[in-house]
């Protein structure tokens, strides 16, 4: 079973805090029947070439909750739902 968790993106040379656009996007996802994710997560990376910070937020009943303090490093790996059979 596949489950949609949310979105991730970066804010190069800026803050990892959610922008107005991020808040609107996460709200729209939470209210979307197609996404079927009432509490979507948004992970935002921000920083410079040598230093990145990551923050995650979840949509909860019309508000946003920071899931954990800033992360100093993160490893992002792709996930493929259907392995290549070729």
PDB file of N, CA and C in Angstrom:
ATOM      1  N   UNK A   1       0.838  -1.177   0.000  1.00  0.00           N
ATOM      2  CA  UNK A   1       0.000   0.000   0.000  1.00  0.00           C
ATOM      3  C   UNK A   1       0.886   1.244   0.000  1.00  0.00           C
ATOM      4  N   UNK A   2       0.585   2.186  -0.860  1.00  0.00           N
ATOM      5  CA  UNK A   2       1.314   3.442  -0.906  1.00  0.00           C
ATOM      6  C   UNK A   2       0.544   4.508  -0.142  1.00  0.00           C
ATOM      7  N   UNK A   3       1.273   5.314   0.607  1.00  0.00           N
ATOM      8  CA  UNK A   3       0.658   6.385   1.384  1.00  0.00           C
ATOM      9  C   UNK A   3       1.387   7.681   1.089  1.00  0.00           C
ATOM     10  N   UNK A   4       0.631   8.723   0.791  1.00  0.00           N
ATOM     11  CA  UNK A   4       1.211  10.044   0.546  1.00  0.00           C
ATOM     12  C   UNK A   4       1.479  10.705   1.889  1.00  0.00           C
ATOM     13  N   UNK A   5       2.731  11.117   2.111  1.00  0.00           N
ATOM     14  CA  UNK A   5       3.093  11.756   3.371  1.00  0.00           C
ATOM     15  C   UNK A   5       3.156  13.277   3.267  1.00  0.00           C
ATOM     16  N   UNK A   6       3.652  13.788   2.148  1.00  0.00           N
ATOM     17  CA  UNK A   6       3.773  15.232   2.024  1.00  0.00           C
ATOM     18  C   UNK A   6       4.800  15.634   0.987  1.00  0.00           C
ATOM     19  N   UNK A   7       5.362  16.802   1.189  1.00  0.00           N
ATOM     20  CA  UNK A   7       6.266  17.420   0.223  1.00  0.00           C
ATOM     21  C   UNK A   7       7.594  17.781   0.868  1.00  0.00           C
ATOM     22  N   UNK A   8       8.620  17.909   0.046  1.00  0.00           N
ATOM     23  CA  UNK A   8       9.882  18.471   0.523  1.00  0.00           C
ATOM     24  C   UNK A   8      10.447  19.356  -0.567  1.00  0.00           C
ATOM     25  N   UNK A   9      11.141  20.393  -0.142  1.00  0.00           N
ATOM     26  CA  UNK A   9      11.785  21.303  -1.088  1.00  0.00           C
ATOM     27  C   UNK A   9      12.841  22.109  -0.333  1.00  0.00           C
ATOM     28  N   UNK A  10      13.526  22.974  -1.049  1.00  0.00           N
ATOM     29  CA  UNK A  10      14.589  23.760  -0.432  1.00  0.00           C
ATOM     30  C   UNK A  10      14.345  25.257  -0.601  1.00  0.00           C
ATOM     31  N   UNK A  11      14.961  26.008   0.311  1.00  0.00           N
ATOM     32  CA  UNK A  11      15.001  27.471   0.259  1.00  0.00           C
ATOM     33  C   UNK A  11      16.490  27.873   0.270  1.00  0.00           C
ATOM     34  N   UNK A  12      17.181  27.788  -0.846  1.00  0.00           N
ATOM     35  CA  UNK A  12      18.606  28.142  -0.855  1.00  0.00           C
ATOM     36  C   UNK A  12      18.824  29.579  -0.387  1.00  0.00           C
ATOM     37  N   UNK A  13      19.827  29.756   0.446  1.00  0.00           N
ATOM     38  CA  UNK A  13      20.209  31.072   0.969  1.00  0.00           C
ATOM     39  C   UNK A  13      19.081  31.772   1.733  1.00  0.00           C
ATOM     40  N   UNK A  14      18.169  31.004   2.283  1.00  0.00           N
ATOM     41  CA  UNK A  14      17.065  31.569   3.052  1.00  0.00           C
ATOM     42  C   UNK A  14      16.863  30.773   4.331  1.00  0.00           C
ATOM     43  N   UNK A  15      15.692  30.927   4.938  1.00  0.00           N
ATOM     44  CA  UNK A  15      15.327  30.247   6.179  1.00  0.00           C
ATOM     45  C   UNK A  15      14.561  28.966   5.875  1.00  0.00           C
ATOM     46  N   UNK A  16      14.643  27.998   6.784  1.00  0.00           N
ATOM     47  CA  UNK A  16      13.891  26.749   6.641  1.00  0.00           C
ATOM     48  C   UNK A  16      12.454  26.886   7.141  1.00  0.00           C
ATOM     49  N   UNK A  17      12.087  28.069   7.603  1.00  0.00           N
ATOM     50  CA  UNK A  17      10.719  28.278   8.073  1.00  0.00           C
ATOM     51  C   UNK A  17       9.750  28.304   6.893  1.00  0.00           C
ATOM     52  N   UNK A  18       8.519  27.923   7.154  1.00  0.00           N
ATOM     53  CA  UNK A  18       7.494  27.900   6.107  1.00  0.00           C
ATOM     54  C   UNK A  18       7.164  29.309   5.626  1.00  0.00           C
ATOM     55  N   UNK A  19       7.082  29.460   4.315  1.00  0.00           N
ATOM     56  CA  UNK A  19       6.666  30.728   3.719  1.00  0.00           C
ATOM     57  C   UNK A  19       5.139  30.753   3.650  1.00  0.00           C
ATOM     58  N   UNK A  20       4.582  31.879   3.247  1.00  0.00           N
ATOM     59  CA  UNK A  20       3.146  31.991   3.050  1.00  0.00           C
ATOM     60  C   UNK A  20       2.684  30.991   1.999  1.00  0.00           C
ATOM     61  N   UNK A  21       3.468  30.835   0.949  1.00  0.00           N
ATOM     62  CA  UNK A  21       3.144  29.871  -0.103  1.00  0.00           C
ATOM     63  C   UNK A  21       3.184  28.444   0.445  1.00  0.00           C
ATOM     64  N   UNK A  22       4.177  28.136   1.274  1.00  0.00           N
ATOM     65  CA  UNK A  22       4.264  26.796   1.880  1.00  0.00           C
ATOM     66  C   UNK A  22       3.029  26.493   2.720  1.00  0.00           C
ATOM     67  N   UNK A  23       2.606  27.470   3.507  1.00  0.00           N
ATOM     68  CA  UNK A  23       1.426  27.279   4.369  1.00  0.00           C
ATOM     69  C   UNK A  23       0.172  27.037   3.527  1.00  0.00           C
ATOM     70  N   UNK A  24       0.020  27.813   2.462  1.00  0.00           N
ATOM     71  CA  UNK A  24      -1.142  27.651   1.585  1.00  0.00           C
ATOM     72  C   UNK A  24      -1.105  26.288   0.896  1.00  0.00           C
ATOM     73  N   UNK A  25       0.071  25.862   0.467  1.00  0.00           N
ATOM     74  CA  UNK A  25       0.213  24.575  -0.207  1.00  0.00           C
ATOM     75  C   UNK A  25      -0.121  23.424   0.730  1.00  0.00           C
ATOM     76  N   UNK A  26       0.402  23.456   1.947  1.00  0.00           N
ATOM     77  CA  UNK A  26       0.148  22.371   2.897  1.00  0.00           C
ATOM     78  C   UNK A  26      -1.337  22.323   3.274  1.00  0.00           C
ATOM     79  N   UNK A  27      -1.957  23.477   3.397  1.00  0.00           N
ATOM     80  CA  UNK A  27      -3.393  23.528   3.680  1.00  0.00           C
ATOM     81  C   UNK A  27      -4.188  22.929   2.530  1.00  0.00           C
ATOM     82  N   UNK A  28      -3.825  23.295   1.305  1.00  0.00           N
ATOM     83  CA  UNK A  28      -4.515  22.774   0.118  1.00  0.00           C
ATOM     84  C   UNK A  28      -4.369  21.254   0.022  1.00  0.00           C
ATOM     85  N   UNK A  29      -3.177  20.731   0.325  1.00  0.00           N
ATOM     86  CA  UNK A  29      -2.951  19.286   0.303  1.00  0.00           C
ATOM     87  C   UNK A  29      -3.839  18.605   1.351  1.00  0.00           C
ATOM     88  N   UNK A  30      -3.891  19.167   2.555  1.00  0.00           N
ATOM     89  CA  UNK A  30      -4.687  18.573   3.638  1.00  0.00           C
ATOM     90  C   UNK A  30      -6.172  18.496   3.283  1.00  0.00           C
ATOM     91  N   UNK A  31      -6.638  19.462   2.502  1.00  0.00           N
ATOM     92  CA  UNK A  31      -8.061  19.516   2.161  1.00  0.00           C
ATOM     93  C   UNK A  31      -8.391  18.808   0.846  1.00  0.00           C
ATOM     94  N   UNK A  32      -7.372  18.286   0.171  1.00  0.00           N
ATOM     95  CA  UNK A  32      -7.567  17.623  -1.110  1.00  0.00           C
ATOM     96  C   UNK A  32      -8.026  16.172  -0.921  1.00  0.00           C
ATOM     97  N   UNK A  33      -9.131  15.830  -1.572  1.00  0.00           N
ATOM     98  CA  UNK A  33      -9.602  14.439  -1.520  1.00  0.00           C
ATOM     99  C   UNK A  33      -8.632  13.507  -2.245  1.00  0.00           C
ATOM    100  N   UNK A  34      -8.019  13.981  -3.323  1.00  0.00           N
ATOM    101  CA  UNK A  34      -7.090  13.144  -4.086  1.00  0.00           C
ATOM    102  C   UNK A  34      -5.852  12.778  -3.270  1.00  0.00           C
ATOM    103  N   UNK A  35      -5.341  13.715  -2.490  1.00  0.00           N
ATOM    104  CA  UNK A  35      -4.151  13.439  -1.677  1.00  0.00           C
ATOM    105  C   UNK A  35      -4.487  12.469  -0.548  1.00  0.00           C
ATOM    106  N   UNK A  36      -5.717  12.550  -0.027  1.00  0.00           N
ATOM    107  CA  UNK A  36      -6.152  11.689   1.070  1.00  0.00           C
ATOM    108  C   UNK A  36      -5.146  11.696   2.218  1.00  0.00           C
ATOM    109  N   UNK A  37      -4.699  12.903   2.576  1.00  0.00           N
ATOM    110  CA  UNK A  37      -3.713  13.068   3.652  1.00  0.00           C
ATOM    111  C   UNK A  37      -4.168  14.240   4.519  1.00  0.00           C
ATOM    112  N   UNK A  38      -4.910  13.952   5.566  1.00  0.00           N
ATOM    113  CA  UNK A  38      -5.449  15.030   6.393  1.00  0.00           C
ATOM    114  C   UNK A  38      -4.381  15.720   7.242  1.00  0.00           C
ATOM    115  N   UNK A  39      -3.230  15.064   7.412  1.00  0.00           N
ATOM    116  CA  UNK A  39      -2.133  15.644   8.192  1.00  0.00           C
ATOM    117  C   UNK A  39      -0.815  15.537   7.408  1.00  0.00           C
ATOM    118  N   UNK A  40      -0.715  16.216   6.256  1.00  0.00           N
ATOM    119  CA  UNK A  40       0.496  16.108   5.446  1.00  0.00           C
ATOM    120  C   UNK A  40       1.695  16.777   6.123  1.00  0.00           C
ATOM    121  N   UNK A  41       2.868  16.318   5.729  1.00  0.00           N
ATOM    122  CA  UNK A  41       4.131  16.815   6.266  1.00  0.00           C
ATOM    123  C   UNK A  41       4.850  17.610   5.185  1.00  0.00           C
ATOM    124  N   UNK A  42       5.524  18.685   5.580  1.00  0.00           N
ATOM    125  CA  UNK A  42       6.368  19.448   4.661  1.00  0.00           C
ATOM    126  C   UNK A  42       7.755  19.557   5.280  1.00  0.00           C
ATOM    127  N   UNK A  43       8.755  19.056   4.561  1.00  0.00           N
ATOM    128  CA  UNK A  43      10.150  19.137   4.977  1.00  0.00           C
ATOM    129  C   UNK A  43      10.817  20.211   4.136  1.00  0.00           C
ATOM    130  N   UNK A  44      11.476  21.156   4.802  1.00  0.00           N
ATOM    131  CA  UNK A  44      12.126  22.268   4.095  1.00  0.00           C
ATOM    132  C   UNK A  44      13.600  22.314   4.477  1.00  0.00           C
ATOM    133  N   UNK A  45      14.443  22.320   3.457  1.00  0.00           N
ATOM    134  CA  UNK A  45      15.874  22.476   3.657  1.00  0.00           C
ATOM    135  C   UNK A  45      16.269  23.891   3.275  1.00  0.00           C
ATOM    136  N   UNK A  46      17.175  24.482   4.039  1.00  0.00           N
ATOM    137  CA  UNK A  46      17.606  25.850   3.734  1.00  0.00           C
ATOM    138  C   UNK A  46      19.062  26.022   4.124  1.00  0.00           C
ATOM    139  N   UNK A  47      19.723  26.910   3.413  1.00  0.00           N
ATOM    140  CA  UNK A  47      21.096  27.193   3.779  1.00  0.00           C
ATOM    141  C   UNK A  47      21.957  27.568   2.602  1.00  0.00           C
ATOM    142  N   UNK A  48      23.227  27.330   2.804  1.00  0.00           N
ATOM    143  CA  UNK A  48      24.231  27.672   1.806  1.00  0.00           C
ATOM    144  C   UNK A  48      24.954  26.400   1.375  1.00  0.00           C
ATOM    145  N   UNK A  49      25.899  26.550   0.519  1.00  0.00           N
ATOM    146  CA  UNK A  49      26.633  25.399  -0.010  1.00  0.00           C
ATOM    147  C   UNK A  49      27.253  24.532   1.088  1.00  0.00           C
ATOM    148  N   UNK A  50      27.731  25.145   2.163  1.00  0.00           N
ATOM    149  CA  UNK A  50      28.431  24.410   3.210  1.00  0.00           C
ATOM    150  C   UNK A  50      27.607  24.103   4.451  1.00  0.00           C
ATOM    151  N   UNK A  51      26.416  24.698   4.576  1.00  0.00           N
ATOM    152  CA  UNK A  51      25.631  24.482   5.787  1.00  0.00           C
ATOM    153  C   UNK A  51      24.135  24.495   5.463  1.00  0.00           C
ATOM    154  N   UNK A  52      23.471  23.384   5.736  1.00  0.00           N
ATOM    155  CA  UNK A  52      22.036  23.270   5.504  1.00  0.00           C
ATOM    156  C   UNK A  52      21.327  22.929   6.797  1.00  0.00           C
ATOM    157  N   UNK A  53      20.133  23.470   6.969  1.00  0.00           N
ATOM    158  CA  UNK A  53      19.265  23.117   8.083  1.00  0.00           C
ATOM    159  C   UNK A  53      17.956  22.586   7.501  1.00  0.00           C
ATOM    160  N   UNK A  54      17.342  21.672   8.215  1.00  0.00           N
ATOM    161  CA  UNK A  54      16.079  21.090   7.771  1.00  0.00           C
ATOM    162  C   UNK A  54      15.037  21.259   8.860  1.00  0.00           C
ATOM    163  N   UNK A  55      13.830  21.587   8.463  1.00  0.00           N
ATOM    164  CA  UNK A  55      12.709  21.675   9.403  1.00  0.00           C
ATOM    165  C   UNK A  55      11.517  20.946   8.792  1.00  0.00           C
ATOM    166  N   UNK A  56      10.742  20.293   9.639  1.00  0.00           N
ATOM    167  CA  UNK A  56       9.535  19.610   9.183  1.00  0.00           C
ATOM    168  C   UNK A  56       8.330  20.147   9.941  1.00  0.00           C
ATOM    169  N   UNK A  57       7.240  20.305   9.220  1.00  0.00           N
ATOM    170  CA  UNK A  57       5.992  20.778   9.807  1.00  0.00           C
ATOM    171  C   UNK A  57       4.866  19.871   9.347  1.00  0.00           C
ATOM    172  N   UNK A  58       3.851  19.735  10.186  1.00  0.00           N
ATOM    173  CA  UNK A  58       2.676  18.947   9.838  1.00  0.00           C
ATOM    174  C   UNK A  58       1.441  19.832   9.980  1.00  0.00           C
ATOM    175  N   UNK A  59       0.477  19.618   9.097  1.00  0.00           N
ATOM    176  CA  UNK A  59      -0.789  20.336   9.160  1.00  0.00           C
ATOM    177  C   UNK A  59      -1.701  19.626  10.151  1.00  0.00           C
ATOM    178  N   UNK A  60      -2.208  20.356  11.135  1.00  0.00           N
ATOM    179  CA  UNK A  60      -3.124  19.797  12.129  1.00  0.00           C
ATOM    180  C   UNK A  60      -4.311  20.737  12.330  1.00  0.00           C
ATOM    181  N   UNK A  61      -5.483  20.330  11.910  1.00  0.00           N
ATOM    182  CA  UNK A  61      -6.733  21.053  12.170  1.00  0.00           C
ATOM    183  C   UNK A  61      -6.630  22.568  11.982  1.00  0.00           C
ATOM    184  N   UNK A  62      -6.162  22.983  10.844  1.00  0.00           N
ATOM    185  CA  UNK A  62      -6.099  24.407  10.539  1.00  0.00           C
ATOM    186  C   UNK A  62      -4.856  25.115  11.024  1.00  0.00           C
ATOM    187  N   UNK A  63      -3.936  24.402  11.650  1.00  0.00           N
ATOM    188  CA  UNK A  63      -2.695  25.003  12.116  1.00  0.00           C
ATOM    189  C   UNK A  63      -1.504  24.160  11.694  1.00  0.00           C
ATOM    190  N   UNK A  64      -0.335  24.577  12.112  1.00  0.00           N
ATOM    191  CA  UNK A  64       0.886  23.879  11.739  1.00  0.00           C
ATOM    192  C   UNK A  64       1.696  23.573  12.988  1.00  0.00           C
ATOM    193  N   UNK A  65       2.300  22.417  13.010  1.00  0.00           N
ATOM    194  CA  UNK A  65       3.108  21.995  14.148  1.00  0.00           C
ATOM    195  C   UNK A  65       4.494  21.623  13.651  1.00  0.00           C
ATOM    196  N   UNK A  66       5.523  22.206  14.261  1.00  0.00           N
ATOM    197  CA  UNK A  66       6.901  21.840  13.943  1.00  0.00           C
ATOM    198  C   UNK A  66       7.141  20.466  14.567  1.00  0.00           C
ATOM    199  N   UNK A  67       7.520  19.493  13.744  1.00  0.00           N
ATOM    200  CA  UNK A  67       7.642  18.117  14.226  1.00  0.00           C
ATOM    201  C   UNK A  67       8.859  17.889  15.104  1.00  0.00           C
ATOM    202  N   UNK A  68       9.945  18.571  14.809  1.00  0.00           N
ATOM    203  CA  UNK A  68      11.151  18.401  15.607  1.00  0.00           C
ATOM    204  C   UNK A  68      12.040  19.609  15.400  1.00  0.00           C
ATOM    205  N   UNK A  69      12.968  19.824  16.304  1.00  0.00           N
ATOM    206  CA  UNK A  69      13.871  20.974  16.144  1.00  0.00           C
ATOM    207  C   UNK A  69      14.667  20.864  14.846  1.00  0.00           C
ATOM    208  N   UNK A  70      15.345  21.904  14.517  1.00  0.00           N
ATOM    209  CA  UNK A  70      16.155  21.916  13.300  1.00  0.00           C
ATOM    210  C   UNK A  70      17.109  20.730  13.254  1.00  0.00           C
ATOM    211  N   UNK A  71      17.205  20.158  12.076  1.00  0.00           N
ATOM    212  CA  UNK A  71      18.128  19.047  11.832  1.00  0.00           C
ATOM    213  C   UNK A  71      19.347  19.633  11.148  1.00  0.00           C
ATOM    214  N   UNK A  72      20.513  19.318  11.617  1.00  0.00           N
ATOM    215  CA  UNK A  72      21.727  19.878  11.030  1.00  0.00           C
ATOM    216  C   UNK A  72      22.140  19.162   9.748  1.00  0.00           C
ATOM    217  N   UNK A  73      21.747  17.905   9.582  1.00  0.00           N
ATOM    218  CA  UNK A  73      22.068  17.200   8.349  1.00  0.00           C
ATOM    219  C   UNK A  73      20.984  16.159   8.083  1.00  0.00           C
ATOM    220  N   UNK A  74      20.825  15.810   6.845  1.00  0.00           N
ATOM    221  CA  UNK A  74      19.839  14.808   6.472  1.00  0.00           C
ATOM    222  C   UNK A  74      20.326  14.086   5.230  1.00  0.00           C
ATOM    223  N   UNK A  75      20.014  12.824   5.156  1.00  0.00           N
ATOM    224  CA  UNK A  75      20.311  12.037   3.967  1.00  0.00           C
ATOM    225  C   UNK A  75      18.974  11.760   3.298  1.00  0.00           C
ATOM    226  N   UNK A  76      18.834  12.174   2.074  1.00  0.00           N
ATOM    227  CA  UNK A  76      17.591  11.957   1.338  1.00  0.00           C
ATOM    228  C   UNK A  76      17.863  10.908   0.276  1.00  0.00           C
ATOM    229  N   UNK A  77      17.099   9.851   0.340  1.00  0.00           N
ATOM    230  CA  UNK A  77      17.260   8.752  -0.610  1.00  0.00           C
ATOM    231  C   UNK A  77      15.970   8.587  -1.403  1.00  0.00           C
ATOM    232  N   UNK A  78      16.072   8.314  -2.686  1.00  0.00           N
ATOM    233  CA  UNK A  78      14.852   8.108  -3.468  1.00  0.00           C
ATOM    234  C   UNK A  78      14.192   6.778  -3.102  1.00  0.00           C
ATOM    235  N   UNK A  79      12.895   6.742  -3.178  1.00  0.00           N
ATOM    236  CA  UNK A  79      12.130   5.529  -2.946  1.00  0.00           C
ATOM    237  C   UNK A  79      11.361   5.218  -4.218  1.00  0.00           C
ATOM    238  N   UNK A  80      11.500   4.012  -4.687  1.00  0.00           N
ATOM    239  CA  UNK A  80      10.798   3.595  -5.892  1.00  0.00           C
ATOM    240  C   UNK A  80       9.786   2.528  -5.511  1.00  0.00           C
ATOM    241  N   UNK A  81       8.513   2.839  -5.685  1.00  0.00           N
ATOM    242  CA  UNK A  81       7.438   1.926  -5.301  1.00  0.00           C
ATOM    243  C   UNK A  81       7.463   0.646  -6.114  1.00  0.00           C
ATOM    244  N   UNK A  82       7.795   0.752  -7.372  1.00  0.00           N
ATOM    245  CA  UNK A  82       7.828  -0.411  -8.249  1.00  0.00           C
ATOM    246  C   UNK A  82       9.258  -0.592  -8.774  1.00  0.00           C
ATOM    247  N   UNK A  83       9.963  -1.609  -8.299  1.00  0.00           N
ATOM    248  CA  UNK A  83      11.325  -1.811  -8.773  1.00  0.00           C
ATOM    249  C   UNK A  83      11.383  -2.006 -10.290  1.00  0.00           C
ATOM    250  N   UNK A  84      12.433  -1.524 -10.863  1.00  0.00           N
ATOM    251  CA  UNK A  84      12.629  -1.673 -12.304  1.00  0.00           C
ATOM    252  C   UNK A  84      12.878  -3.145 -12.607  1.00  0.00           C
ATOM    253  N   UNK A  85      12.047  -3.712 -13.439  1.00  0.00           N
ATOM    254  CA  UNK A  85      12.165  -5.137 -13.755  1.00  0.00           C
ATOM    255  C   UNK A  85      12.880  -5.374 -15.068  1.00  0.00           C
ATOM    256  N   UNK A  86      13.370  -4.320 -15.679  1.00  0.00           N
ATOM    257  CA  UNK A  86      14.016  -4.453 -16.997  1.00  0.00           C
ATOM    258  C   UNK A  86      15.366  -5.122 -16.878  1.00  0.00           C
TER     259      UNK A  86
END
